[in-house]
PDB file of N, CA and C in Angstrom:
ATOM      1  N   MET A   1       0.927  -1.275   0.007  1.00  0.00           N
ATOM      2  CA  MET A   1       0.102   0.023  -0.025  1.00  0.00           C
ATOM      3  C   MET A   1       0.802   1.314  -0.116  1.00  0.00           C
ATOM      4  N   GLY A   2       2.008   1.264   0.894  1.00  0.00           N
ATOM      5  CA  GLY A   2       2.830   2.356   0.883  1.00  0.00           C
ATOM      6  C   GLY A   2       3.386   2.684  -0.650  1.00  0.00           C
ATOM      7  N   ARG A   3       3.774   1.648  -1.308  1.00  0.00           N
ATOM      8  CA  ARG A   3       4.204   1.800  -2.731  1.00  0.00           C
ATOM      9  C   ARG A   3       3.232   2.604  -3.636  1.00  0.00           C
ATOM     10  N   ALA A   4       1.927   2.330  -3.637  1.00  0.00           N
ATOM     11  CA  ALA A   4       0.965   2.969  -4.309  1.00  0.00           C
ATOM     12  C   ALA A   4       0.852   4.356  -3.860  1.00  0.00           C
ATOM     13  N   LEU A   5       0.822   4.761  -2.700  1.00  0.00           N
ATOM     14  CA  LEU A   5       0.877   6.120  -2.282  1.00  0.00           C
ATOM     15  C   LEU A   5       2.144   6.867  -2.897  1.00  0.00           C
ATOM     16  N   VAL A   6       3.242   6.277  -2.998  1.00  0.00           N
ATOM     17  CA  VAL A   6       4.467   7.001  -3.370  1.00  0.00           C
ATOM     18  C   VAL A   6       4.055   7.086  -4.971  1.00  0.00           C
ATOM     19  N   GLY A   7       3.613   6.274  -5.602  1.00  0.00           N
ATOM     20  CA  GLY A   7       3.342   6.227  -7.039  1.00  0.00           C
ATOM     21  C   GLY A   7       2.355   7.373  -7.259  1.00  0.00           C
ATOM     22  N   ILE A   8       1.282   7.513  -6.424  1.00  0.00           N
ATOM     23  CA  ILE A   8       0.466   8.619  -6.755  1.00  0.00           C
ATOM     24  C   ILE A   8       1.122   9.962  -6.442  1.00  0.00           C
ATOM     25  N   SER A   9       1.874  10.011  -5.515  1.00  0.00           N
ATOM     26  CA  SER A   9       2.534  11.271  -5.127  1.00  0.00           C
ATOM     27  C   SER A   9       3.421  11.690  -6.285  1.00  0.00           C
ATOM     28  N   ASN A  10       4.259  10.696  -6.969  1.00  0.00           N
ATOM     29  CA  ASN A  10       4.989  11.005  -8.098  1.00  0.00           C
ATOM     30  C   ASN A  10       4.189  11.381  -9.196  1.00  0.00           C
ATOM     31  N   ALA A  11       3.167  10.838  -9.553  1.00  0.00           N
ATOM     32  CA  ALA A  11       2.320  11.269 -10.641  1.00  0.00           C
ATOM     33  C   ALA A  11       1.763  12.649 -10.551  1.00  0.00           C
ATOM     34  N   LYS A  12       1.376  12.984  -9.374  1.00  0.00           N
ATOM     35  CA  LYS A  12       0.951  14.365  -8.898  1.00  0.00           C
ATOM     36  C   LYS A  12       2.115  15.323  -9.327  1.00  0.00           C
ATOM     37  N   GLU A  13       3.176  15.005  -8.968  1.00  0.00           N
ATOM     38  CA  GLU A  13       4.380  15.956  -9.032  1.00  0.00           C
ATOM     39  C   GLU A  13       4.695  16.101 -10.548  1.00  0.00           C
ATOM     40  N   LYS A  14       4.718  14.982 -11.328  1.00  0.00           N
ATOM     41  CA  LYS A  14       4.808  14.944 -12.774  1.00  0.00           C
ATOM     42  C   LYS A  14       3.923  15.930 -13.398  1.00  0.00           C
ATOM     43  N   LEU A  15       2.618  15.639 -13.006  1.00  0.00           N
ATOM     44  CA  LEU A  15       1.661  16.546 -13.545  1.00  0.00           C
ATOM     45  C   LEU A  15       1.894  17.935 -13.357  1.00  0.00           C
ATOM     46  N   ARG A  16       2.332  18.423 -12.051  1.00  0.00           N
ATOM     47  CA  ARG A  16       2.639  19.775 -11.807  1.00  0.00           C
ATOM     48  C   ARG A  16       3.716  20.325 -12.710  1.00  0.00           C
ATOM     49  N   ARG A  17       4.689  19.617 -12.803  1.00  0.00           N
ATOM     50  CA  ARG A  17       5.862  20.009 -13.784  1.00  0.00           C
ATOM     51  C   ARG A  17       5.467  20.157 -15.070  1.00  0.00           C
ATOM     52  N   THR A  18       4.550  19.164 -15.683  1.00  0.00           N
ATOM     53  CA  THR A  18       4.012  19.121 -16.986  1.00  0.00           C
ATOM     54  C   THR A  18       3.274  20.509 -17.313  1.00  0.00           C
ATOM     55  N   ILE A  19       2.452  20.939 -16.286  1.00  0.00           N
ATOM     56  CA  ILE A  19       1.617  22.086 -16.509  1.00  0.00           C
ATOM     57  C   ILE A  19       2.301  23.299 -15.821  1.00  0.00           C
ATOM     58  N   SER A  20       3.477  23.565 -16.185  1.00  0.00           N
ATOM     59  CA  SER A  20       4.222  24.598 -15.604  1.00  0.00           C
ATOM     60  C   SER A  20       3.657  26.121 -15.937  1.00  0.00           C
ATOM     61  N   PRO A  21       3.751  27.087 -14.943  1.00  0.00           N
ATOM     62  CA  PRO A  21       3.245  28.302 -15.226  1.00  0.00           C
ATOM     63  C   PRO A  21       4.203  29.104 -16.163  1.00  0.00           C
ATOM     64  N   ARG A  22       3.599  29.919 -17.114  1.00  0.00           N
ATOM     65  CA  ARG A  22       4.448  30.864 -18.012  1.00  0.00           C
ATOM     66  C   ARG A  22       3.520  31.921 -17.993  1.00  0.00           C
ATOM     67  N   ASN A  23       3.909  33.217 -18.216  1.00  0.00           N
ATOM     68  CA  ASN A  23       3.392  34.552 -18.326  1.00  0.00           C
ATOM     69  C   ASN A  23       2.115  34.952 -17.419  1.00  0.00           C
ATOM     70  N   GLY A  24       2.000  34.411 -16.271  1.00  0.00           N
ATOM     71  CA  GLY A  24       1.084  34.567 -15.268  1.00  0.00           C
ATOM     72  C   GLY A  24      -0.205  34.211 -15.666  1.00  0.00           C
ATOM     73  N   SER A  25      -0.723  33.863 -16.835  1.00  0.00           N
ATOM     74  CA  SER A  25      -2.057  33.617 -17.294  1.00  0.00           C
ATOM     75  C   SER A  25      -2.278  31.957 -17.175  1.00  0.00           C
ATOM     76  N   ILE A  26      -1.309  31.338 -16.830  1.00  0.00           N
ATOM     77  CA  ILE A  26      -1.453  29.858 -16.780  1.00  0.00           C
ATOM     78  C   ILE A  26      -1.422  29.547 -15.224  1.00  0.00           C
ATOM     79  N   SER A  27      -2.129  28.576 -14.854  1.00  0.00           N
ATOM     80  CA  SER A  27      -2.129  28.032 -13.654  1.00  0.00           C
ATOM     81  C   SER A  27      -1.127  26.959 -13.453  1.00  0.00           C
ATOM     82  N   SER A  28      -0.650  26.875 -12.056  1.00  0.00           N
ATOM     83  CA  SER A  28       0.528  25.922 -11.867  1.00  0.00           C
ATOM     84  C   SER A  28      -0.084  24.635 -11.349  1.00  0.00           C
ATOM     85  N   THR A  29      -1.161  24.379 -10.978  1.00  0.00           N
ATOM     86  CA  THR A  29      -1.737  23.186 -10.679  1.00  0.00           C
ATOM     87  C   THR A  29      -3.018  23.053 -11.008  1.00  0.00           C
ATOM     88  N   THR A  30      -3.643  21.681 -11.040  1.00  0.00           N
ATOM     89  CA  THR A  30      -4.943  21.584 -11.535  1.00  0.00           C
ATOM     90  C   THR A  30      -6.100  21.928 -10.592  1.00  0.00           C
ATOM     91  N   ASN A  31      -5.738  22.309  -9.297  1.00  0.00           N
ATOM     92  CA  ASN A  31      -6.573  22.601  -8.285  1.00  0.00           C
ATOM     93  C   ASN A  31      -6.786  24.288  -8.074  1.00  0.00           C
ATOM     94  N   ASP A  32      -6.079  24.957  -8.812  1.00  0.00           N
ATOM     95  CA  ASP A  32      -6.089  26.317  -8.644  1.00  0.00           C
ATOM     96  C   ASP A  32      -6.999  27.171  -9.524  1.00  0.00           C
ATOM     97  N   VAL A  33      -8.064  26.530 -10.077  1.00  0.00           N
ATOM     98  CA  VAL A  33      -9.093  27.316 -10.917  1.00  0.00           C
ATOM     99  C   VAL A  33     -10.142  28.001  -9.921  1.00  0.00           C
ATOM    100  N   PRO A  34      -9.982  29.341  -9.870  1.00  0.00           N
ATOM    101  CA  PRO A  34     -10.801  29.949  -8.997  1.00  0.00           C
ATOM    102  C   PRO A  34     -12.337  29.773  -9.312  1.00  0.00           C
ATOM    103  N   LYS A  35     -13.245  30.025  -8.409  1.00  0.00           N
ATOM    104  CA  LYS A  35     -14.643  29.809  -8.435  1.00  0.00           C
ATOM    105  C   LYS A  35     -15.047  30.925  -9.689  1.00  0.00           C
ATOM    106  N   GLY A  36     -15.979  30.423 -10.471  1.00  0.00           N
ATOM    107  CA  GLY A  36     -16.424  31.328 -11.593  1.00  0.00           C
ATOM    108  C   GLY A  36     -15.458  31.254 -12.783  1.00  0.00           C
ATOM    109  N   HIS A  37     -14.474  30.382 -12.930  1.00  0.00           N
ATOM    110  CA  HIS A  37     -13.534  30.266 -14.023  1.00  0.00           C
ATOM    111  C   HIS A  37     -13.403  28.800 -14.316  1.00  0.00           C
ATOM    112  N   PHE A  38     -12.796  28.621 -15.564  1.00  0.00           N
ATOM    113  CA  PHE A  38     -12.393  27.402 -16.095  1.00  0.00           C
ATOM    114  C   PHE A  38     -11.007  27.180 -16.794  1.00  0.00           C
ATOM    115  N   ALA A  39     -10.557  26.006 -17.030  1.00  0.00           N
ATOM    116  CA  ALA A  39      -9.395  25.958 -17.625  1.00  0.00           C
ATOM    117  C   ALA A  39      -9.532  25.506 -19.073  1.00  0.00           C
ATOM    118  N   VAL A  40      -8.814  26.041 -20.040  1.00  0.00           N
ATOM    119  CA  VAL A  40      -8.768  25.636 -21.408  1.00  0.00           C
ATOM    120  C   VAL A  40      -7.242  25.224 -21.793  1.00  0.00           C
ATOM    121  N   TYR A  41      -7.107  24.540 -22.742  1.00  0.00           N
ATOM    122  CA  TYR A  41      -5.834  24.196 -23.198  1.00  0.00           C
ATOM    123  C   TYR A  41      -5.772  24.699 -24.656  1.00  0.00           C
ATOM    124  N   VAL A  42      -4.758  25.441 -25.082  1.00  0.00           N
ATOM    125  CA  VAL A  42      -4.749  25.979 -26.401  1.00  0.00           C
ATOM    126  C   VAL A  42      -3.373  25.641 -27.056  1.00  0.00           C
ATOM    127  N   GLY A  43      -3.290  25.675 -28.443  1.00  0.00           N
ATOM    128  CA  GLY A  43      -2.180  25.600 -29.332  1.00  0.00           C
ATOM    129  C   GLY A  43      -1.525  24.302 -29.340  1.00  0.00           C
ATOM    130  N   GLU A  44      -0.472  24.164 -29.902  1.00  0.00           N
ATOM    131  CA  GLU A  44       0.356  22.981 -30.229  1.00  0.00           C
ATOM    132  C   GLU A  44       0.804  22.362 -29.002  1.00  0.00           C
ATOM    133  N   THR A  45       1.273  23.205 -28.090  1.00  0.00           N
ATOM    134  CA  THR A  45       1.848  22.897 -26.916  1.00  0.00           C
ATOM    135  C   THR A  45       0.910  22.722 -25.661  1.00  0.00           C
ATOM    136  N   TYR A  46      -0.435  22.933 -26.003  1.00  0.00           N
ATOM    137  CA  TYR A  46      -1.705  22.746 -24.981  1.00  0.00           C
ATOM    138  C   TYR A  46      -1.436  23.730 -23.758  1.00  0.00           C
ATOM    139  N   ARG A  47      -0.962  24.871 -24.121  1.00  0.00           N
ATOM    140  CA  ARG A  47      -0.895  25.903 -23.013  1.00  0.00           C
ATOM    141  C   ARG A  47      -2.176  25.937 -22.232  1.00  0.00           C
ATOM    142  N   ARG A  48      -2.044  26.286 -20.896  1.00  0.00           N
ATOM    143  CA  ARG A  48      -3.301  26.198 -20.013  1.00  0.00           C
ATOM    144  C   ARG A  48      -3.578  27.697 -19.826  1.00  0.00           C
ATOM    145  N   PHE A  49      -4.789  27.892 -19.902  1.00  0.00           N
ATOM    146  CA  PHE A  49      -5.370  29.233 -19.705  1.00  0.00           C
ATOM    147  C   PHE A  49      -6.538  29.105 -18.709  1.00  0.00           C
ATOM    148  N   VAL A  50      -6.758  30.125 -17.702  1.00  0.00           N
ATOM    149  CA  VAL A  50      -7.892  30.071 -16.884  1.00  0.00           C
ATOM    150  C   VAL A  50      -8.744  31.308 -17.381  1.00  0.00           C
ATOM    151  N   VAL A  51     -10.036  31.127 -17.586  1.00  0.00           N
ATOM    152  CA  VAL A  51     -10.638  32.083 -18.259  1.00  0.00           C
ATOM    153  C   VAL A  51     -12.127  32.210 -17.411  1.00  0.00           C
ATOM    154  N   PRO A  52     -12.768  33.397 -17.353  1.00  0.00           N
ATOM    155  CA  PRO A  52     -14.015  33.414 -16.625  1.00  0.00           C
ATOM    156  C   PRO A  52     -15.308  32.935 -17.364  1.00  0.00           C
ATOM    157  N   ILE A  53     -15.991  31.986 -16.648  1.00  0.00           N
ATOM    158  CA  ILE A  53     -17.215  31.458 -17.101  1.00  0.00           C
ATOM    159  C   ILE A  53     -17.919  32.297 -17.952  1.00  0.00           C
ATOM    160  N   SER A  54     -17.824  33.549 -17.643  1.00  0.00           N
ATOM    161  CA  SER A  54     -18.797  34.547 -18.660  1.00  0.00           C
ATOM    162  C   SER A  54     -18.486  34.470 -19.917  1.00  0.00           C
ATOM    163  N   TYR A  55     -17.220  34.188 -20.411  1.00  0.00           N
ATOM    164  CA  TYR A  55     -16.889  34.001 -21.711  1.00  0.00           C
ATOM    165  C   TYR A  55     -17.803  33.088 -22.483  1.00  0.00           C
ATOM    166  N   LEU A  56     -18.230  32.208 -21.746  1.00  0.00           N
ATOM    167  CA  LEU A  56     -19.129  31.071 -22.454  1.00  0.00           C
ATOM    168  C   LEU A  56     -20.243  31.600 -23.090  1.00  0.00           C
ATOM    169  N   ASN A  57     -20.811  32.786 -22.743  1.00  0.00           N
ATOM    170  CA  ASN A  57     -21.788  33.404 -23.230  1.00  0.00           C
ATOM    171  C   ASN A  57     -21.560  34.213 -24.603  1.00  0.00           C
ATOM    172  N   HIS A  58     -20.301  34.490 -24.930  1.00  0.00           N
ATOM    173  CA  HIS A  58     -19.839  35.490 -25.807  1.00  0.00           C
ATOM    174  C   HIS A  58     -19.949  34.457 -27.400  1.00  0.00           C
ATOM    175  N   PRO A  59     -20.420  34.940 -28.266  1.00  0.00           N
ATOM    176  CA  PRO A  59     -20.549  34.386 -29.536  1.00  0.00           C
ATOM    177  C   PRO A  59     -19.154  33.885 -30.106  1.00  0.00           C
ATOM    178  N   LEU A  60     -18.185  34.759 -29.905  1.00  0.00           N
ATOM    179  CA  LEU A  60     -16.826  34.520 -30.571  1.00  0.00           C
ATOM    180  C   LEU A  60     -16.287  33.256 -29.871  1.00  0.00           C
ATOM    181  N   PHE A  61     -16.452  33.209 -28.432  1.00  0.00           N
ATOM    182  CA  PHE A  61     -16.052  32.058 -27.731  1.00  0.00           C
ATOM    183  C   PHE A  61     -16.855  30.797 -28.018  1.00  0.00           C
ATOM    184  N   GLN A  62     -18.181  30.923 -28.187  1.00  0.00           N
ATOM    185  CA  GLN A  62     -18.956  29.778 -28.691  1.00  0.00           C
ATOM    186  C   GLN A  62     -18.260  29.277 -29.981  1.00  0.00           C
ATOM    187  N   ASP A  63     -17.998  30.078 -30.845  1.00  0.00           N
ATOM    188  CA  ASP A  63     -17.496  29.602 -32.143  1.00  0.00           C
ATOM    189  C   ASP A  63     -16.219  28.728 -31.803  1.00  0.00           C
ATOM    190  N   LEU A  64     -15.375  29.124 -30.999  1.00  0.00           N
ATOM    191  CA  LEU A  64     -14.192  28.421 -30.649  1.00  0.00           C
ATOM    192  C   LEU A  64     -14.618  26.881 -30.080  1.00  0.00           C
ATOM    193  N   LEU A  65     -15.677  26.956 -29.143  1.00  0.00           N
ATOM    194  CA  LEU A  65     -16.124  25.686 -28.593  1.00  0.00           C
ATOM    195  C   LEU A  65     -16.683  24.751 -29.744  1.00  0.00           C
ATOM    196  N   HIS A  66     -17.497  25.379 -30.583  1.00  0.00           N
ATOM    197  CA  HIS A  66     -17.908  24.520 -31.694  1.00  0.00           C
ATOM    198  C   HIS A  66     -16.837  24.022 -32.437  1.00  0.00           C
ATOM    199  N   TRP A  67     -15.802  24.844 -32.813  1.00  0.00           N
ATOM    200  CA  TRP A  67     -14.549  24.321 -33.523  1.00  0.00           C
ATOM    201  C   TRP A  67     -13.853  23.113 -32.770  1.00  0.00           C
ATOM    202  N   ALA A  68     -13.742  23.338 -31.405  1.00  0.00           N
ATOM    203  CA  ALA A  68     -13.181  22.325 -30.658  1.00  0.00           C
ATOM    204  C   ALA A  68     -14.070  20.946 -30.587  1.00  0.00           C
ATOM    205  N   GLU A  69     -15.263  21.122 -30.632  1.00  0.00           N
ATOM    206  CA  GLU A  69     -16.330  20.096 -30.735  1.00  0.00           C
ATOM    207  C   GLU A  69     -16.015  19.220 -32.009  1.00  0.00           C
ATOM    208  N   GLU A  70     -15.885  20.005 -32.977  1.00  0.00           N
ATOM    209  CA  GLU A  70     -15.683  19.237 -34.380  1.00  0.00           C
ATOM    210  C   GLU A  70     -14.411  18.742 -34.567  1.00  0.00           C
ATOM    211  N   GLU A  71     -13.321  19.124 -33.982  1.00  0.00           N
ATOM    212  CA  GLU A  71     -11.912  18.724 -33.967  1.00  0.00           C
ATOM    213  C   GLU A  71     -11.650  17.525 -32.979  1.00  0.00           C
ATOM    214  N   PHE A  72     -12.439  17.663 -31.815  1.00  0.00           N
ATOM    215  CA  PHE A  72     -11.812  16.737 -30.857  1.00  0.00           C
ATOM    216  C   PHE A  72     -13.258  15.892 -30.350  1.00  0.00           C
ATOM    217  N   GLY A  73     -14.417  16.327 -30.689  1.00  0.00           N
ATOM    218  CA  GLY A  73     -15.595  15.687 -29.966  1.00  0.00           C
ATOM    219  C   GLY A  73     -15.535  15.954 -28.613  1.00  0.00           C
ATOM    220  N   TYR A  74     -15.939  14.987 -27.639  1.00  0.00           N
ATOM    221  CA  TYR A  74     -15.892  15.271 -26.206  1.00  0.00           C
ATOM    222  C   TYR A  74     -14.774  14.345 -25.697  1.00  0.00           C
ATOM    223  N   ASN A  75     -13.843  14.036 -26.534  1.00  0.00           N
ATOM    224  CA  ASN A  75     -12.593  13.429 -26.083  1.00  0.00           C
ATOM    225  C   ASN A  75     -11.460  14.289 -26.166  1.00  0.00           C
ATOM    226  N   HIS A  76     -11.167  15.057 -25.166  1.00  0.00           N
ATOM    227  CA  HIS A  76     -10.068  15.912 -25.247  1.00  0.00           C
ATOM    228  C   HIS A  76      -8.832  15.530 -24.760  1.00  0.00           C
ATOM    229  N   PRO A  77      -7.704  15.537 -25.544  1.00  0.00           N
ATOM    230  CA  PRO A  77      -6.436  14.960 -25.186  1.00  0.00           C
ATOM    231  C   PRO A  77      -6.005  15.256 -23.733  1.00  0.00           C
ATOM    232  N   MET A  78      -6.193  16.524 -23.312  1.00  0.00           N
ATOM    233  CA  MET A  78      -5.690  16.982 -22.060  1.00  0.00           C
ATOM    234  C   MET A  78      -6.668  16.763 -20.813  1.00  0.00           C
ATOM    235  N   GLY A  79      -7.870  16.210 -21.147  1.00  0.00           N
ATOM    236  CA  GLY A  79      -8.720  16.020 -20.165  1.00  0.00           C
ATOM    237  C   GLY A  79      -9.834  17.113 -19.856  1.00  0.00           C
ATOM    238  N   GLY A  80      -9.331  18.506 -20.311  1.00  0.00           N
ATOM    239  CA  GLY A  80     -10.196  19.621 -20.263  1.00  0.00           C
ATOM    240  C   GLY A  80     -10.565  20.112 -21.544  1.00  0.00           C
ATOM    241  N   ILE A  81     -11.095  21.300 -21.652  1.00  0.00           N
ATOM    242  CA  ILE A  81     -11.394  21.811 -22.929  1.00  0.00           C
ATOM    243  C   ILE A  81     -10.157  22.140 -23.720  1.00  0.00           C
ATOM    244  N   THR A  82     -10.007  21.405 -24.921  1.00  0.00           N
ATOM    245  CA  THR A  82      -8.872  21.879 -25.690  1.00  0.00           C
ATOM    246  C   THR A  82      -9.413  22.655 -26.878  1.00  0.00           C
ATOM    247  N   ILE A  83      -8.717  23.809 -27.110  1.00  0.00           N
ATOM    248  CA  ILE A  83      -9.259  24.637 -28.184  1.00  0.00           C
ATOM    249  C   ILE A  83      -8.254  24.661 -29.278  1.00  0.00           C
ATOM    250  N   PRO A  84      -8.614  24.195 -30.525  1.00  0.00           N
ATOM    251  CA  PRO A  84      -7.729  23.965 -31.600  1.00  0.00           C
ATOM    252  C   PRO A  84      -7.339  25.388 -32.369  1.00  0.00           C
ATOM    253  N   CYS A  85      -6.672  26.250 -31.795  1.00  0.00           N
ATOM    254  CA  CYS A  85      -6.325  27.266 -32.476  1.00  0.00           C
ATOM    255  C   CYS A  85      -4.922  27.843 -31.831  1.00  0.00           C
ATOM    256  N   SER A  86      -4.022  28.872 -32.471  1.00  0.00           N
ATOM    257  CA  SER A  86      -2.910  29.289 -31.994  1.00  0.00           C
ATOM    258  C   SER A  86      -2.982  30.007 -30.759  1.00  0.00           C
ATOM    259  N   GLU A  87      -1.925  29.962 -29.873  1.00  0.00           N
ATOM    260  CA  GLU A  87      -1.873  30.809 -28.718  1.00  0.00           C
ATOM    261  C   GLU A  87      -1.985  32.248 -29.059  1.00  0.00           C
ATOM    262  N   ASP A  88      -1.569  32.754 -30.098  1.00  0.00           N
ATOM    263  CA  ASP A  88      -1.718  34.148 -30.411  1.00  0.00           C
ATOM    264  C   ASP A  88      -3.034  34.508 -30.765  1.00  0.00           C
ATOM    265  N   TYR A  89      -3.747  33.655 -31.486  1.00  0.00           N
ATOM    266  CA  TYR A  89      -5.221  33.907 -31.684  1.00  0.00           C
ATOM    267  C   TYR A  89      -5.982  34.066 -30.565  1.00  0.00           C
ATOM    268  N   PHE A  90      -5.822  32.933 -29.655  1.00  0.00           N
ATOM    269  CA  PHE A  90      -6.568  32.928 -28.369  1.00  0.00           C
ATOM    270  C   PHE A  90      -6.285  34.359 -27.476  1.00  0.00           C
ATOM    271  N   ILE A  91      -5.134  34.613 -27.244  1.00  0.00           N
ATOM    272  CA  ILE A  91      -4.750  35.658 -26.578  1.00  0.00           C
ATOM    273  C   ILE A  91      -5.567  36.960 -27.160  1.00  0.00           C
ATOM    274  N   SER A  92      -5.405  37.141 -28.528  1.00  0.00           N
ATOM    275  CA  SER A  92      -6.105  38.116 -29.067  1.00  0.00           C
ATOM    276  C   SER A  92      -7.659  38.108 -28.808  1.00  0.00           C
ATOM    277  N   LEU A  93      -8.219  37.091 -28.865  1.00  0.00           N
ATOM    278  CA  LEU A  93      -9.681  36.867 -28.586  1.00  0.00           C
ATOM    279  C   LEU A  93      -9.981  37.299 -27.169  1.00  0.00           C
ATOM    280  N   ILE A  94      -8.931  36.872 -26.308  1.00  0.00           N
ATOM    281  CA  ILE A  94      -9.245  37.099 -24.801  1.00  0.00           C
ATOM    282  C   ILE A  94      -9.292  38.447 -24.526  1.00  0.00           C
ATOM    283  N   SER A  95      -8.257  39.161 -25.117  1.00  0.00           N
ATOM    284  CA  SER A  95      -8.106  40.628 -25.115  1.00  0.00           C
ATOM    285  C   SER A  95      -9.279  41.390 -25.588  1.00  0.00           C
ATOM    286  N   LEU A  96      -9.831  40.937 -26.571  1.00  0.00           N
ATOM    287  CA  LEU A  96     -11.162  41.480 -27.208  1.00  0.00           C
ATOM    288  C   LEU A  96     -12.330  41.298 -26.209  1.00  0.00           C
ATOM    289  N   LEU A  97     -12.394  40.021 -25.688  1.00  0.00           N
ATOM    290  CA  LEU A  97     -13.614  39.768 -24.723  1.00  0.00           C
ATOM    291  C   LEU A  97     -13.420  40.588 -23.373  1.00  0.00           C
ATOM    292  N   LYS A  98     -12.041  40.949 -22.962  1.00  0.00           N
ATOM    293  CA  LYS A  98     -11.835  41.688 -21.732  1.00  0.00           C
ATOM    294  C   LYS A  98     -12.245  43.230 -22.018  1.00  0.00           C
ATOM    295  N   SER A  99     -12.091  43.678 -23.226  1.00  0.00           N
ATOM    296  CA  SER A  99     -12.482  45.179 -23.635  1.00  0.00           C
ATOM    297  C   SER A  99     -13.922  45.297 -23.818  1.00  0.00           C
ATOM    298  N   SER A 100     -14.770  44.168 -24.118  1.00  0.00           N
ATOM    299  CA  SER A 100     -16.102  44.466 -24.433  1.00  0.00           C
ATOM    300  C   SER A 100     -16.869  44.137 -23.157  1.00  0.00           C
TER     301      SER A 100
END
């Protein structure tokens, strides 16, 4: 049993290192999504962004979700919502949504 706990601990640490923070908009662990937000994975490197749930109501963000559904269905490789666009496009869209 002790070996299983060590294995779980090692797996958690590997996951934390895999999803390492960059540029402040990415969360460092899977448990740090604040209330009223959700995580999405974007681009070829699956960069993780935490965005407000209110973006789900915006037509441009809904278009991205439909695109993700067409690309991945409901089987996302990262386990969360994966958006099949470039990081630059996503950052531009988020900037637009923040300003509106």
